[in-house]
């Protein structure tokens, strides 16, 4: 899947999270119900390794098996890439993380984790189908102008250079989708795509 607007290390975060084949990623919509610190074995010196365990209520699985995720694990602080989620079951998140099996997943600061209500309508609707249409496309970040694509299966992601924001206009309202001729281009809208693609040079 090819969707812009994630952590700086992965400008295609949401798209990438939903569409990468062969990677044990899970993408879910969920609420954190409770949290506690748990032991997770020992380091090479015999010291206990602590992790935060969030018990979650999964609302929807966008990428992964039919089995619900029950627990999410993360490091105990942001200094070691741990993620803090609001607990109490009121705040919903879109969470992309790595599967650990048996209804568990692990998340870090580098994963795509955003409050559900901060996603645009286009992003929410595209999660079900449209982003998967861009799995064979590559989103290329534009660090400064001028910037160019090197092959037709690329979409040029401009949010950072034009808005200094990784969750800008392109990330919120466009999806990079493969066209019938094999090239990729930005598509805007919430309805299923027809012929209304943006020119690839003009995202």
C-alpha atoms as a PDB file:
ATOM      1  CA  UNK A   1       0.000   0.000   0.000  1.00  0.00           C
ATOM      2  CA  UNK A   2       1.331   3.447  -0.728  1.00  0.00           C
ATOM      3  CA  UNK A   3       0.098   6.261   1.541  1.00  0.00           C
ATOM      4  CA  UNK A   4       2.101   9.336   2.542  1.00  0.00           C
ATOM      5  CA  UNK A   5       2.356  10.934   5.926  1.00  0.00           C
ATOM      6  CA  UNK A   6       4.062   8.980   8.672  1.00  0.00           C
ATOM      7  CA  UNK A   7       7.190   9.322  10.732  1.00  0.00           C
ATOM      8  CA  UNK A   8      10.014  11.216   9.043  1.00  0.00           C
ATOM      9  CA  UNK A   9      11.868   7.965   8.417  1.00  0.00           C
ATOM     10  CA  UNK A  10       8.975   6.622   6.350  1.00  0.00           C
ATOM     11  CA  UNK A  11       7.113   9.237   4.327  1.00  0.00           C
ATOM     12  CA  UNK A  12       4.888   6.518   2.928  1.00  0.00           C
ATOM     13  CA  UNK A  13       4.032   5.237   6.386  1.00  0.00           C
ATOM     14  CA  UNK A  14       0.285   4.677   6.243  1.00  0.00           C
ATOM     15  CA  UNK A  15       0.405   3.378   2.678  1.00  0.00           C
ATOM     16  CA  UNK A  16       3.454   1.305   3.366  1.00  0.00           C
ATOM     17  CA  UNK A  17       1.988  -0.140   6.538  1.00  0.00           C
ATOM     18  CA  UNK A  18      -1.141  -1.386   4.846  1.00  0.00           C
ATOM     19  CA  UNK A  19       0.409  -2.755   1.698  1.00  0.00           C
ATOM     20  CA  UNK A  20       3.815  -4.327   2.215  1.00  0.00           C
ATOM     21  CA  UNK A  21       3.638  -7.983   1.222  1.00  0.00           C
ATOM     22  CA  UNK A  22       5.524 -10.600   3.213  1.00  0.00           C
ATOM     23  CA  UNK A  23       6.080  -8.393   6.236  1.00  0.00           C
ATOM     24  CA  UNK A  24       4.504  -9.297   9.587  1.00  0.00           C
ATOM     25  CA  UNK A  25       2.803  -5.928  10.011  1.00  0.00           C
ATOM     26  CA  UNK A  26      -0.604  -5.342  11.505  1.00  0.00           C
ATOM     27  CA  UNK A  27      -2.713  -2.245  10.939  1.00  0.00           C
ATOM     28  CA  UNK A  28      -5.644  -1.829  13.294  1.00  0.00           C
ATOM     29  CA  UNK A  29      -8.094   0.680  14.660  1.00  0.00           C
ATOM     30  CA  UNK A  30      -8.207   0.281  18.436  1.00  0.00           C
ATOM     31  CA  UNK A  31      -8.595   1.785  21.905  1.00  0.00           C
ATOM     32  CA  UNK A  32      -6.241   1.220  24.828  1.00  0.00           C
ATOM     33  CA  UNK A  33      -8.198  -0.066  27.828  1.00  0.00           C
ATOM     34  CA  UNK A  34      -5.432  -0.541  30.412  1.00  0.00           C
ATOM     35  CA  UNK A  35      -1.658  -0.546  30.777  1.00  0.00           C
ATOM     36  CA  UNK A  36       0.888  -2.202  33.033  1.00  0.00           C
ATOM     37  CA  UNK A  37       4.621  -2.779  33.151  1.00  0.00           C
ATOM     38  CA  UNK A  38       5.649  -6.389  32.518  1.00  0.00           C
ATOM     39  CA  UNK A  39       8.899  -8.368  32.481  1.00  0.00           C
ATOM     40  CA  UNK A  40      10.083  -9.445  29.056  1.00  0.00           C
ATOM     41  CA  UNK A  41      13.081 -11.628  29.840  1.00  0.00           C
ATOM     42  CA  UNK A  42      16.620 -10.519  30.690  1.00  0.00           C
ATOM     43  CA  UNK A  43      19.329  -8.623  28.848  1.00  0.00           C
ATOM     44  CA  UNK A  44      22.818 -10.082  28.281  1.00  0.00           C
ATOM     45  CA  UNK A  45      23.835  -8.991  31.791  1.00  0.00           C
ATOM     46  CA  UNK A  46      20.906 -10.717  33.468  1.00  0.00           C
ATOM     47  CA  UNK A  47      18.969  -7.519  34.135  1.00  0.00           C
ATOM     48  CA  UNK A  48      15.201  -7.719  33.631  1.00  0.00           C
ATOM     49  CA  UNK A  49      13.826  -6.138  30.459  1.00  0.00           C
ATOM     50  CA  UNK A  50      10.650  -4.164  31.093  1.00  0.00           C
ATOM     51  CA  UNK A  51       7.926  -3.424  28.562  1.00  0.00           C
ATOM     52  CA  UNK A  52       4.598  -1.658  28.743  1.00  0.00           C
ATOM     53  CA  UNK A  53       1.648  -3.901  27.966  1.00  0.00           C
ATOM     54  CA  UNK A  54      -1.503  -2.206  26.701  1.00  0.00           C
ATOM     55  CA  UNK A  55      -4.687  -4.210  26.781  1.00  0.00           C
ATOM     56  CA  UNK A  56      -6.667  -3.013  23.787  1.00  0.00           C
ATOM     57  CA  UNK A  57     -10.138  -3.206  22.302  1.00  0.00           C
ATOM     58  CA  UNK A  58      -9.711  -3.753  18.581  1.00  0.00           C
ATOM     59  CA  UNK A  59     -12.339  -2.031  16.456  1.00  0.00           C
ATOM     60  CA  UNK A  60     -11.129  -3.097  12.993  1.00  0.00           C
ATOM     61  CA  UNK A  61      -8.234  -4.978  11.396  1.00  0.00           C
ATOM     62  CA  UNK A  62      -7.045  -3.337   8.153  1.00  0.00           C
ATOM     63  CA  UNK A  63      -3.990  -5.547   7.616  1.00  0.00           C
ATOM     64  CA  UNK A  64      -3.469  -8.878   9.303  1.00  0.00           C
ATOM     65  CA  UNK A  65      -5.290 -12.116  10.152  1.00  0.00           C
ATOM     66  CA  UNK A  66      -8.885 -12.385  11.295  1.00  0.00           C
ATOM     67  CA  UNK A  67      -7.780 -12.952  14.897  1.00  0.00           C
ATOM     68  CA  UNK A  68      -8.119  -9.853  17.082  1.00  0.00           C
ATOM     69  CA  UNK A  69      -5.120  -8.181  18.664  1.00  0.00           C
ATOM     70  CA  UNK A  70      -5.574  -8.212  22.442  1.00  0.00           C
ATOM     71  CA  UNK A  71      -2.275  -6.754  23.676  1.00  0.00           C
ATOM     72  CA  UNK A  72       0.189  -4.193  22.351  1.00  0.00           C
ATOM     73  CA  UNK A  73       3.716  -4.011  23.762  1.00  0.00           C
ATOM     74  CA  UNK A  74       6.160  -1.127  23.693  1.00  0.00           C
ATOM     75  CA  UNK A  75       9.309   0.042  25.452  1.00  0.00           C
ATOM     76  CA  UNK A  76       8.813   1.762  28.838  1.00  0.00           C
ATOM     77  CA  UNK A  77       9.833   5.264  27.695  1.00  0.00           C
ATOM     78  CA  UNK A  78      10.208   7.380  24.577  1.00  0.00           C
ATOM     79  CA  UNK A  79      13.975   7.474  25.225  1.00  0.00           C
ATOM     80  CA  UNK A  80      14.036   3.839  24.066  1.00  0.00           C
ATOM     81  CA  UNK A  81      11.339   4.360  21.389  1.00  0.00           C
ATOM     82  CA  UNK A  82       8.371   3.514  23.619  1.00  0.00           C
ATOM     83  CA  UNK A  83       4.932   4.829  22.670  1.00  0.00           C
ATOM     84  CA  UNK A  84       2.452   6.343  25.099  1.00  0.00           C
ATOM     85  CA  UNK A  85      -1.246   5.687  24.446  1.00  0.00           C
ATOM     86  CA  UNK A  86      -4.175   7.245  26.278  1.00  0.00           C
ATOM     87  CA  UNK A  87      -5.803   4.592  28.447  1.00  0.00           C
ATOM     88  CA  UNK A  88      -9.464   4.402  29.382  1.00  0.00           C
ATOM     89  CA  UNK A  89     -11.029   3.315  26.131  1.00  0.00           C
ATOM     90  CA  UNK A  90     -12.117   6.745  24.923  1.00  0.00           C
ATOM     91  CA  UNK A  91      -9.415   7.680  22.387  1.00  0.00           C
ATOM     92  CA  UNK A  92      -9.261   5.629  19.182  1.00  0.00           C
ATOM     93  CA  UNK A  93      -6.018   5.135  17.255  1.00  0.00           C
ATOM     94  CA  UNK A  94      -4.893   3.867  13.896  1.00  0.00           C
ATOM     95  CA  UNK A  95      -1.925   1.677  14.834  1.00  0.00           C
ATOM     96  CA  UNK A  96       0.587  -0.010  12.551  1.00  0.00           C
ATOM     97  CA  UNK A  97       3.007  -2.343  14.299  1.00  0.00           C
ATOM     98  CA  UNK A  98       4.803  -5.657  14.131  1.00  0.00           C
ATOM     99  CA  UNK A  99       3.035  -8.929  14.850  1.00  0.00           C
ATOM    100  CA  UNK A 100       4.250 -11.013  17.770  1.00  0.00           C
ATOM    101  CA  UNK A 101       1.716 -13.825  17.382  1.00  0.00           C
ATOM    102  CA  UNK A 102      -1.063 -14.997  19.704  1.00  0.00           C
ATOM    103  CA  UNK A 103      -3.035 -11.761  19.522  1.00  0.00           C
ATOM    104  CA  UNK A 104      -0.032  -9.542  20.322  1.00  0.00           C
ATOM    105  CA  UNK A 105       1.852  -6.803  18.505  1.00  0.00           C
ATOM    106  CA  UNK A 106       4.801  -4.504  19.228  1.00  0.00           C
ATOM    107  CA  UNK A 107       5.017  -0.779  18.478  1.00  0.00           C
ATOM    108  CA  UNK A 108       7.785   1.834  18.552  1.00  0.00           C
ATOM    109  CA  UNK A 109       8.058   5.551  17.864  1.00  0.00           C
ATOM    110  CA  UNK A 110       9.014   4.705  14.267  1.00  0.00           C
ATOM    111  CA  UNK A 111       5.667   3.004  13.604  1.00  0.00           C
ATOM    112  CA  UNK A 112       2.627   4.795  12.224  1.00  0.00           C
ATOM    113  CA  UNK A 113       0.381   5.569  15.216  1.00  0.00           C
ATOM    114  CA  UNK A 114      -2.115   8.424  15.036  1.00  0.00           C
ATOM    115  CA  UNK A 115      -5.383   9.323  16.753  1.00  0.00           C
ATOM    116  CA  UNK A 116      -8.231   8.145  14.524  1.00  0.00           C
ATOM    117  CA  UNK A 117      -9.970  11.528  14.618  1.00  0.00           C
ATOM    118  CA  UNK A 118      -6.907  13.259  13.100  1.00  0.00           C
ATOM    119  CA  UNK A 119      -7.195  11.255   9.867  1.00  0.00           C
ATOM    120  CA  UNK A 120      -8.980  12.872   6.953  1.00  0.00           C
ATOM    121  CA  UNK A 121     -12.128  11.309   5.500  1.00  0.00           C
ATOM    122  CA  UNK A 122     -10.090  10.326   2.433  1.00  0.00           C
ATOM    123  CA  UNK A 123      -7.508   8.524   4.586  1.00  0.00           C
ATOM    124  CA  UNK A 124     -10.185   6.656   6.540  1.00  0.00           C
ATOM    125  CA  UNK A 125     -12.042   5.526   3.436  1.00  0.00           C
ATOM    126  CA  UNK A 126      -8.848   4.648   1.563  1.00  0.00           C
ATOM    127  CA  UNK A 127      -7.751   2.230   4.286  1.00  0.00           C
ATOM    128  CA  UNK A 128     -10.318  -0.332   3.145  1.00  0.00           C
ATOM    129  CA  UNK A 129      -9.315  -0.528  -0.497  1.00  0.00           C
ATOM    130  CA  UNK A 130      -7.607   2.338  -2.282  1.00  0.00           C
ATOM    131  CA  UNK A 131      -4.224   2.207  -0.559  1.00  0.00           C
ATOM    132  CA  UNK A 132      -3.879  -1.457  -1.518  1.00  0.00           C
ATOM    133  CA  UNK A 133      -4.095  -0.399  -5.170  1.00  0.00           C
ATOM    134  CA  UNK A 134      -0.730   1.309  -4.694  1.00  0.00           C
ATOM    135  CA  UNK A 135       1.191  -1.657  -3.302  1.00  0.00           C
ATOM    136  CA  UNK A 136       3.444  -1.822  -6.354  1.00  0.00           C
ATOM    137  CA  UNK A 137       4.057   1.923  -6.362  1.00  0.00           C
ATOM    138  CA  UNK A 138       6.918   3.704  -4.650  1.00  0.00           C
ATOM    139  CA  UNK A 139       6.521   7.046  -2.907  1.00  0.00           C
ATOM    140  CA  UNK A 140       9.638   9.163  -3.352  1.00  0.00           C
ATOM    141  CA  UNK A 141      10.183  11.967  -0.856  1.00  0.00           C
ATOM    142  CA  UNK A 142      11.135  15.343  -2.269  1.00  0.00           C
ATOM    143  CA  UNK A 143      13.691  16.879   0.132  1.00  0.00           C
ATOM    144  CA  UNK A 144      14.151  20.094  -1.867  1.00  0.00           C
ATOM    145  CA  UNK A 145      13.040  21.658  -5.127  1.00  0.00           C
ATOM    146  CA  UNK A 146      13.717  20.713  -7.871  1.00  0.00           C
ATOM    147  CA  UNK A 147      13.111  16.986  -7.412  1.00  0.00           C
ATOM    148  CA  UNK A 148      12.269  14.282  -9.905  1.00  0.00           C
ATOM    149  CA  UNK A 149      11.064  10.721 -10.174  1.00  0.00           C
ATOM    150  CA  UNK A 150      13.426   8.119 -11.623  1.00  0.00           C
ATOM    151  CA  UNK A 151      10.843   5.611 -12.875  1.00  0.00           C
ATOM    152  CA  UNK A 152       7.140   5.611 -13.842  1.00  0.00           C
ATOM    153  CA  UNK A 153       6.153   3.541 -10.799  1.00  0.00           C
ATOM    154  CA  UNK A 154       6.992   6.418  -8.436  1.00  0.00           C
ATOM    155  CA  UNK A 155       4.841   9.176  -6.971  1.00  0.00           C
ATOM    156  CA  UNK A 156       6.630  12.319  -5.812  1.00  0.00           C
ATOM    157  CA  UNK A 157       5.696  13.205  -2.242  1.00  0.00           C
ATOM    158  CA  UNK A 158       5.906  16.992  -1.747  1.00  0.00           C
ATOM    159  CA  UNK A 159       4.328  17.700   1.662  1.00  0.00           C
ATOM    160  CA  UNK A 160       7.607  18.267   3.489  1.00  0.00           C
ATOM    161  CA  UNK A 161       9.105  20.616   0.931  1.00  0.00           C
ATOM    162  CA  UNK A 162       5.909  22.607   0.310  1.00  0.00           C
ATOM    163  CA  UNK A 163       4.357  22.664   3.795  1.00  0.00           C
ATOM    164  CA  UNK A 164       7.162  21.554   6.164  1.00  0.00           C
ATOM    165  CA  UNK A 165       4.692  18.979   7.436  1.00  0.00           C
ATOM    166  CA  UNK A 166       4.652  15.203   7.016  1.00  0.00           C
ATOM    167  CA  UNK A 167       0.866  15.119   7.317  1.00  0.00           C
ATOM    168  CA  UNK A 168       0.108  17.777   4.744  1.00  0.00           C
ATOM    169  CA  UNK A 169      -2.308  18.115   1.848  1.00  0.00           C
ATOM    170  CA  UNK A 170      -0.998  15.153  -0.158  1.00  0.00           C
ATOM    171  CA  UNK A 171      -0.967  12.818   2.835  1.00  0.00           C
ATOM    172  CA  UNK A 172      -4.512  13.757   3.817  1.00  0.00           C
ATOM    173  CA  UNK A 173      -6.259  13.879   0.464  1.00  0.00           C
ATOM    174  CA  UNK A 174      -4.351  11.792  -2.100  1.00  0.00           C
ATOM    175  CA  UNK A 175      -3.353   8.178  -2.713  1.00  0.00           C
ATOM    176  CA  UNK A 176      -0.587   6.925  -5.010  1.00  0.00           C
ATOM    177  CA  UNK A 177      -2.227   4.333  -7.260  1.00  0.00           C
ATOM    178  CA  UNK A 178      -1.037   2.137 -10.104  1.00  0.00           C
ATOM    179  CA  UNK A 179      -2.677   2.956 -13.444  1.00  0.00           C
ATOM    180  CA  UNK A 180      -3.575   0.513 -16.204  1.00  0.00           C
ATOM    181  CA  UNK A 181      -0.396   1.358 -18.152  1.00  0.00           C
ATOM    182  CA  UNK A 182       1.757   0.345 -15.158  1.00  0.00           C
ATOM    183  CA  UNK A 183       2.697   3.858 -14.123  1.00  0.00           C
ATOM    184  CA  UNK A 184       1.734   5.342 -10.756  1.00  0.00           C
ATOM    185  CA  UNK A 185       0.064   8.673 -10.067  1.00  0.00           C
ATOM    186  CA  UNK A 186      -1.633  10.598  -7.294  1.00  0.00           C
ATOM    187  CA  UNK A 187      -5.393  10.211  -7.106  1.00  0.00           C
ATOM    188  CA  UNK A 188      -7.654  12.460  -5.095  1.00  0.00           C
ATOM    189  CA  UNK A 189     -11.080  11.647  -3.807  1.00  0.00           C
ATOM    190  CA  UNK A 190     -13.092   9.228  -1.716  1.00  0.00           C
ATOM    191  CA  UNK A 191     -15.007   7.536  -4.543  1.00  0.00           C
ATOM    192  CA  UNK A 192     -13.466   4.550  -6.363  1.00  0.00           C
ATOM    193  CA  UNK A 193     -10.897   5.811  -8.877  1.00  0.00           C
ATOM    194  CA  UNK A 194     -11.872   6.088 -12.526  1.00  0.00           C
ATOM    195  CA  UNK A 195      -9.768   8.246 -14.836  1.00  0.00           C
ATOM    196  CA  UNK A 196      -9.303  11.304 -12.622  1.00  0.00           C
ATOM    197  CA  UNK A 197      -5.596  10.991 -11.900  1.00  0.00           C
ATOM    198  CA  UNK A 198      -3.307  13.902 -11.343  1.00  0.00           C
ATOM    199  CA  UNK A 199      -0.400  14.284 -13.691  1.00  0.00           C
ATOM    200  CA  UNK A 200       2.540  12.532 -12.084  1.00  0.00           C
ATOM    201  CA  UNK A 201       4.710  15.651 -12.332  1.00  0.00           C
ATOM    202  CA  UNK A 202       2.135  17.806 -10.575  1.00  0.00           C
ATOM    203  CA  UNK A 203       1.259  16.324  -7.179  1.00  0.00           C
END
